[in-house]
Each structure stands twice: as C-alpha cells, then as structure tokens.
C-alpha cells in the first residue's frame, strides 16, 4: 500500500468518525531517550530542549482547541511555518526525502 493511499484511507476514517487529529511536533524533548541514544552534545540537543510535561501540555491545549498542528518550540515553528514554504519546490522535496531516509 502506498503512503498516499494509507494517508487518504486514514483521513477518510477520521473524518467519518467526526473526530479531529492534532499533530504534535515537539522538537527535542529532554527524556531518558536522549540518555539512551547519547544525543547529548549533538546539534539536536544544543538548544536545550523542552521538558516532557510542557510538551504534553502544548499538545493537549492544541488538541482542546482543535488545532491541526502544534509546534512546541518557537524556532521550529518559525522554520516550518515561514521559511520552508518559501523554499523552491525542489529543496522541499530534497528535505522531505532526507527526512524520510532518516526516520525509523
């Protein structure tokens, strides 16, 4: 099954159930995962990250307001909402492909 078919099928089922979905894009979160994967000292962890409770509150508040996307970190939100849309389409495709290749 292709990704497009999977997403289309999932969104159809969600719409039929009269429920909303909120996507939480928290950026780096200070959690035991960072310790286990030795992320300390990397570019990802350089900004310090957010505490899990603040990320959960951000997601819950956004869900309560029926927002589609919740981004907990202001620099990440600025980049995703204001910078990336102005990139040439080819750069956006390259970035999406790179992200897909590094996502597990």
N, C-alpha and C. Protein backbone atom coordinates (compact mmCIF):
# COMPACT_ATOMS: atom_id res chain seq x y z
N UNK A 1 0.86 -1.17 0.00
CA UNK A 1 0.00 0.00 0.00
C UNK A 1 0.90 1.23 0.00
N UNK A 2 0.59 2.20 -0.85
CA UNK A 2 1.41 3.41 -0.91
C UNK A 2 1.11 4.31 0.27
N UNK A 3 2.04 5.24 0.54
CA UNK A 3 1.84 6.17 1.66
C UNK A 3 0.61 7.04 1.41
N UNK A 4 0.42 7.47 0.15
CA UNK A 4 -0.72 8.32 -0.17
C UNK A 4 -2.03 7.59 0.11
N UNK A 5 -2.11 6.33 -0.31
CA UNK A 5 -3.33 5.55 -0.06
C UNK A 5 -3.56 5.36 1.43
N UNK A 6 -2.49 5.13 2.17
CA UNK A 6 -2.60 4.95 3.61
C UNK A 6 -3.11 6.22 4.28
N UNK A 7 -2.53 7.36 3.91
CA UNK A 7 -2.94 8.65 4.50
C UNK A 7 -4.37 8.97 4.11
N UNK A 8 -4.72 8.76 2.83
CA UNK A 8 -6.08 9.04 2.37
C UNK A 8 -7.09 8.16 3.10
N UNK A 9 -6.78 6.88 3.26
CA UNK A 9 -7.67 5.98 3.97
C UNK A 9 -7.84 6.36 5.43
N UNK A 10 -6.73 6.72 6.07
CA UNK A 10 -6.79 7.11 7.48
C UNK A 10 -7.59 8.39 7.65
N UNK A 11 -7.36 9.38 6.78
CA UNK A 11 -8.08 10.65 6.93
C UNK A 11 -9.57 10.47 6.64
N UNK A 12 -9.92 9.56 5.74
CA UNK A 12 -11.34 9.28 5.47
C UNK A 12 -12.02 8.68 6.69
N UNK A 13 -11.34 7.74 7.34
CA UNK A 13 -11.91 7.12 8.54
C UNK A 13 -12.05 8.12 9.69
N UNK A 14 -11.05 9.00 9.83
CA UNK A 14 -11.11 10.01 10.89
C UNK A 14 -12.26 10.97 10.62
N UNK A 15 -12.40 11.42 9.36
CA UNK A 15 -13.48 12.35 9.02
C UNK A 15 -14.84 11.71 9.26
N UNK A 16 -14.98 10.44 8.93
CA UNK A 16 -16.25 9.74 9.12
C UNK A 16 -16.59 9.58 10.59
N UNK A 17 -15.56 9.51 11.44
CA UNK A 17 -15.82 9.32 12.87
C UNK A 17 -16.09 10.63 13.60
N UNK A 18 -16.05 11.74 12.89
CA UNK A 18 -16.30 13.08 13.46
C UNK A 18 -15.29 13.44 14.54
N UNK A 19 -14.07 12.93 14.41
CA UNK A 19 -13.01 13.24 15.36
C UNK A 19 -11.97 14.09 14.68
N UNK A 20 -11.21 14.80 15.47
CA UNK A 20 -10.13 15.62 14.94
C UNK A 20 -8.79 15.02 15.34
N UNK A 21 -7.79 15.32 14.59
CA UNK A 21 -6.44 14.86 14.87
C UNK A 21 -5.54 16.07 15.01
N UNK A 22 -4.70 16.08 16.03
CA UNK A 22 -3.71 17.12 16.21
C UNK A 22 -2.34 16.49 16.11
N UNK A 23 -1.51 17.05 15.25
CA UNK A 23 -0.14 16.57 15.09
C UNK A 23 0.74 17.39 16.03
N UNK A 24 1.49 16.71 16.87
CA UNK A 24 2.40 17.39 17.80
C UNK A 24 3.82 17.27 17.26
N UNK A 25 4.45 18.42 17.00
CA UNK A 25 5.83 18.46 16.52
C UNK A 25 6.67 19.14 17.60
N UNK A 26 7.15 18.38 18.58
CA UNK A 26 7.76 18.99 19.75
C UNK A 26 9.21 19.40 19.61
N UNK A 27 9.91 18.94 18.60
CA UNK A 27 11.35 19.20 18.57
C UNK A 27 12.03 18.30 19.60
N UNK A 28 13.15 18.75 20.13
CA UNK A 28 13.91 17.95 21.09
C UNK A 28 13.24 17.99 22.46
N UNK A 29 13.04 16.83 23.05
CA UNK A 29 12.42 16.70 24.37
C UNK A 29 13.43 16.05 25.31
N UNK A 30 13.62 16.68 26.48
CA UNK A 30 14.53 16.11 27.49
C UNK A 30 13.86 14.88 28.10
N UNK A 31 14.38 13.73 27.77
CA UNK A 31 13.80 12.48 28.26
C UNK A 31 14.90 11.42 28.33
N UNK A 32 14.57 10.29 28.90
CA UNK A 32 15.54 9.20 29.02
C UNK A 32 16.02 8.71 27.66
N UNK A 33 15.22 8.94 26.62
CA UNK A 33 15.62 8.54 25.27
C UNK A 33 16.94 9.21 24.88
N UNK A 34 17.11 10.47 25.22
CA UNK A 34 18.35 11.19 24.90
C UNK A 34 19.54 10.57 25.60
N UNK A 35 19.35 10.12 26.82
CA UNK A 35 20.43 9.46 27.55
C UNK A 35 20.79 8.12 26.91
N UNK A 36 19.77 7.35 26.58
CA UNK A 36 20.00 6.02 26.00
C UNK A 36 20.64 6.08 24.62
N UNK A 37 20.34 7.12 23.86
CA UNK A 37 20.86 7.23 22.50
C UNK A 37 22.06 8.16 22.41
N UNK A 38 22.53 8.66 23.54
CA UNK A 38 23.71 9.53 23.60
C UNK A 38 23.57 10.74 22.69
N UNK A 39 22.45 11.44 22.80
CA UNK A 39 22.22 12.64 21.99
C UNK A 39 22.86 13.89 22.58
N UNK A 40 23.34 13.81 23.78
CA UNK A 40 23.94 14.98 24.42
C UNK A 40 25.16 15.41 23.62
N UNK A 41 25.29 16.71 23.39
CA UNK A 41 26.42 17.22 22.62
C UNK A 41 26.16 17.27 21.12
N UNK A 42 24.99 16.85 20.67
CA UNK A 42 24.66 16.91 19.25
C UNK A 42 23.96 18.22 18.94
N UNK A 43 23.84 18.53 17.67
CA UNK A 43 23.14 19.74 17.24
C UNK A 43 21.69 19.71 17.71
N UNK A 44 21.08 18.54 17.66
CA UNK A 44 19.69 18.39 18.08
C UNK A 44 19.49 18.81 19.53
N UNK A 45 20.42 18.44 20.39
CA UNK A 45 20.29 18.73 21.82
C UNK A 45 20.88 20.08 22.21
N UNK A 46 21.51 20.78 21.28
CA UNK A 46 22.19 22.03 21.60
C UNK A 46 21.25 23.11 22.15
N UNK A 47 20.01 23.12 21.68
CA UNK A 47 19.06 24.13 22.13
C UNK A 47 18.52 23.90 23.52
N UNK A 48 18.84 22.80 24.11
CA UNK A 48 18.39 22.52 25.47
C UNK A 48 17.13 21.68 25.55
N UNK A 49 16.24 21.82 24.61
CA UNK A 49 15.03 21.02 24.60
C UNK A 49 13.99 21.45 25.62
N UNK A 50 12.87 20.79 25.56
CA UNK A 50 11.73 21.07 26.45
C UNK A 50 11.49 19.88 27.36
N UNK A 51 10.88 20.16 28.48
CA UNK A 51 10.53 19.11 29.42
C UNK A 51 9.28 18.38 28.91
N UNK A 52 9.17 17.08 29.16
CA UNK A 52 8.02 16.32 28.67
C UNK A 52 6.67 16.89 29.11
N UNK A 53 6.58 17.41 30.30
CA UNK A 53 5.31 17.96 30.79
C UNK A 53 4.87 19.17 29.96
N UNK A 54 5.82 20.04 29.58
CA UNK A 54 5.45 21.22 28.78
C UNK A 54 5.04 20.81 27.37
N UNK A 55 5.69 19.78 26.84
CA UNK A 55 5.32 19.28 25.51
C UNK A 55 3.92 18.68 25.55
N UNK A 56 3.64 17.88 26.58
CA UNK A 56 2.32 17.27 26.72
C UNK A 56 1.24 18.35 26.88
N UNK A 57 1.52 19.38 27.67
CA UNK A 57 0.55 20.47 27.86
C UNK A 57 0.28 21.19 26.54
N UNK A 58 1.35 21.46 25.79
CA UNK A 58 1.20 22.11 24.49
C UNK A 58 0.30 21.28 23.58
N UNK A 59 0.56 19.98 23.51
CA UNK A 59 -0.24 19.09 22.67
C UNK A 59 -1.68 19.01 23.13
N UNK A 60 -1.88 18.89 24.43
CA UNK A 60 -3.24 18.80 24.97
C UNK A 60 -4.02 20.08 24.72
N UNK A 61 -3.37 21.23 24.97
CA UNK A 61 -4.05 22.52 24.74
C UNK A 61 -4.42 22.70 23.27
N UNK A 62 -3.51 22.32 22.37
CA UNK A 62 -3.79 22.43 20.94
C UNK A 62 -4.94 21.50 20.54
N UNK A 63 -4.93 20.29 21.09
CA UNK A 63 -6.00 19.33 20.81
C UNK A 63 -7.34 19.87 21.32
N UNK A 64 -7.33 20.50 22.49
CA UNK A 64 -8.57 21.06 23.06
C UNK A 64 -9.12 22.19 22.20
N UNK A 65 -8.22 22.90 21.51
CA UNK A 65 -8.64 23.99 20.62
C UNK A 65 -8.88 23.50 19.20
N UNK A 66 -8.80 22.18 18.97
CA UNK A 66 -8.99 21.56 17.66
C UNK A 66 -8.00 22.08 16.62
N UNK A 67 -6.78 22.38 17.05
CA UNK A 67 -5.75 22.80 16.11
C UNK A 67 -5.22 21.59 15.37
N UNK A 68 -4.87 21.79 14.12
CA UNK A 68 -4.36 20.68 13.32
C UNK A 68 -2.91 20.34 13.68
N UNK A 69 -2.08 21.37 13.87
CA UNK A 69 -0.66 21.16 14.15
C UNK A 69 -0.26 21.96 15.38
N UNK A 70 0.48 21.33 16.28
CA UNK A 70 1.01 22.00 17.46
C UNK A 70 2.53 21.87 17.42
N UNK A 71 3.21 23.00 17.41
CA UNK A 71 4.67 23.01 17.41
C UNK A 71 5.11 23.68 18.70
N UNK A 72 5.81 22.95 19.55
CA UNK A 72 6.14 23.42 20.89
C UNK A 72 7.30 24.41 20.92
N UNK A 73 8.23 24.33 19.98
CA UNK A 73 9.40 25.21 20.01
C UNK A 73 9.24 26.34 19.00
N UNK A 74 9.42 27.58 19.45
CA UNK A 74 9.23 28.74 18.59
C UNK A 74 10.16 28.75 17.37
N UNK A 75 11.47 28.46 17.51
CA UNK A 75 12.31 28.46 16.31
C UNK A 75 11.88 27.41 15.29
N UNK A 76 11.47 26.24 15.76
CA UNK A 76 11.00 25.19 14.86
C UNK A 76 9.70 25.63 14.18
N UNK A 77 8.81 26.24 14.93
CA UNK A 77 7.55 26.72 14.35
C UNK A 77 7.81 27.78 13.29
N UNK A 78 8.74 28.70 13.57
CA UNK A 78 9.08 29.73 12.59
C UNK A 78 9.62 29.10 11.31
N UNK A 79 10.52 28.14 11.46
CA UNK A 79 11.11 27.49 10.30
C UNK A 79 10.04 26.76 9.49
N UNK A 80 9.20 25.97 10.15
CA UNK A 80 8.20 25.18 9.44
C UNK A 80 7.10 26.03 8.83
N UNK A 81 6.72 27.10 9.50
CA UNK A 81 5.60 27.92 9.03
C UNK A 81 5.99 29.05 8.10
N UNK A 82 7.21 29.58 8.24
CA UNK A 82 7.58 30.78 7.48
C UNK A 82 8.74 30.59 6.52
N UNK A 83 9.71 29.77 6.83
CA UNK A 83 10.87 29.64 5.95
C UNK A 83 10.70 28.55 4.90
N UNK A 84 10.29 27.37 5.31
CA UNK A 84 10.19 26.25 4.37
C UNK A 84 9.20 26.51 3.24
N UNK A 85 8.05 27.15 3.48
CA UNK A 85 7.15 27.41 2.35
C UNK A 85 7.76 28.29 1.26
N UNK A 86 8.79 29.08 1.58
CA UNK A 86 9.40 29.95 0.58
C UNK A 86 10.56 29.28 -0.17
N UNK A 87 10.94 28.08 0.24
CA UNK A 87 11.99 27.37 -0.46
C UNK A 87 11.48 26.91 -1.82
N UNK A 88 12.36 26.81 -2.79
CA UNK A 88 11.93 26.25 -4.08
C UNK A 88 11.42 24.83 -3.86
N UNK A 89 10.49 24.42 -4.67
CA UNK A 89 9.86 23.10 -4.51
C UNK A 89 10.90 21.98 -4.49
N UNK A 90 11.94 22.09 -5.29
CA UNK A 90 12.97 21.06 -5.34
C UNK A 90 13.65 20.92 -3.97
N UNK A 91 13.93 22.03 -3.30
CA UNK A 91 14.57 21.98 -1.98
C UNK A 91 13.64 21.34 -0.97
N UNK A 92 12.36 21.61 -1.06
CA UNK A 92 11.39 21.00 -0.15
C UNK A 92 11.34 19.49 -0.37
N UNK A 93 11.36 19.06 -1.65
CA UNK A 93 11.34 17.64 -1.95
C UNK A 93 12.59 16.95 -1.43
N UNK A 94 13.76 17.62 -1.61
CA UNK A 94 15.01 17.06 -1.11
C UNK A 94 14.98 16.92 0.40
N UNK A 95 14.44 17.93 1.08
CA UNK A 95 14.37 17.89 2.55
C UNK A 95 13.42 16.78 3.00
N UNK A 96 12.28 16.62 2.33
CA UNK A 96 11.34 15.57 2.69
C UNK A 96 11.96 14.20 2.46
N UNK A 97 12.70 14.05 1.36
CA UNK A 97 13.34 12.78 1.08
C UNK A 97 14.41 12.46 2.14
N UNK A 98 15.19 13.47 2.51
CA UNK A 98 16.23 13.27 3.53
C UNK A 98 15.59 12.88 4.86
N UNK A 99 14.47 13.52 5.20
CA UNK A 99 13.79 13.21 6.46
C UNK A 99 13.25 11.78 6.42
N UNK A 100 12.69 11.38 5.28
CA UNK A 100 12.15 10.03 5.15
C UNK A 100 13.27 9.00 5.31
N UNK A 101 14.44 9.31 4.79
CA UNK A 101 15.54 8.36 4.86
C UNK A 101 16.09 8.22 6.28
N UNK A 102 15.91 9.26 7.12
CA UNK A 102 16.46 9.21 8.48
C UNK A 102 15.40 8.85 9.51
N UNK A 103 14.14 8.72 9.09
CA UNK A 103 13.06 8.39 10.02
C UNK A 103 12.95 6.87 10.14
N UNK A 104 12.84 6.41 11.36
CA UNK A 104 12.74 4.96 11.59
C UNK A 104 11.31 4.58 11.77
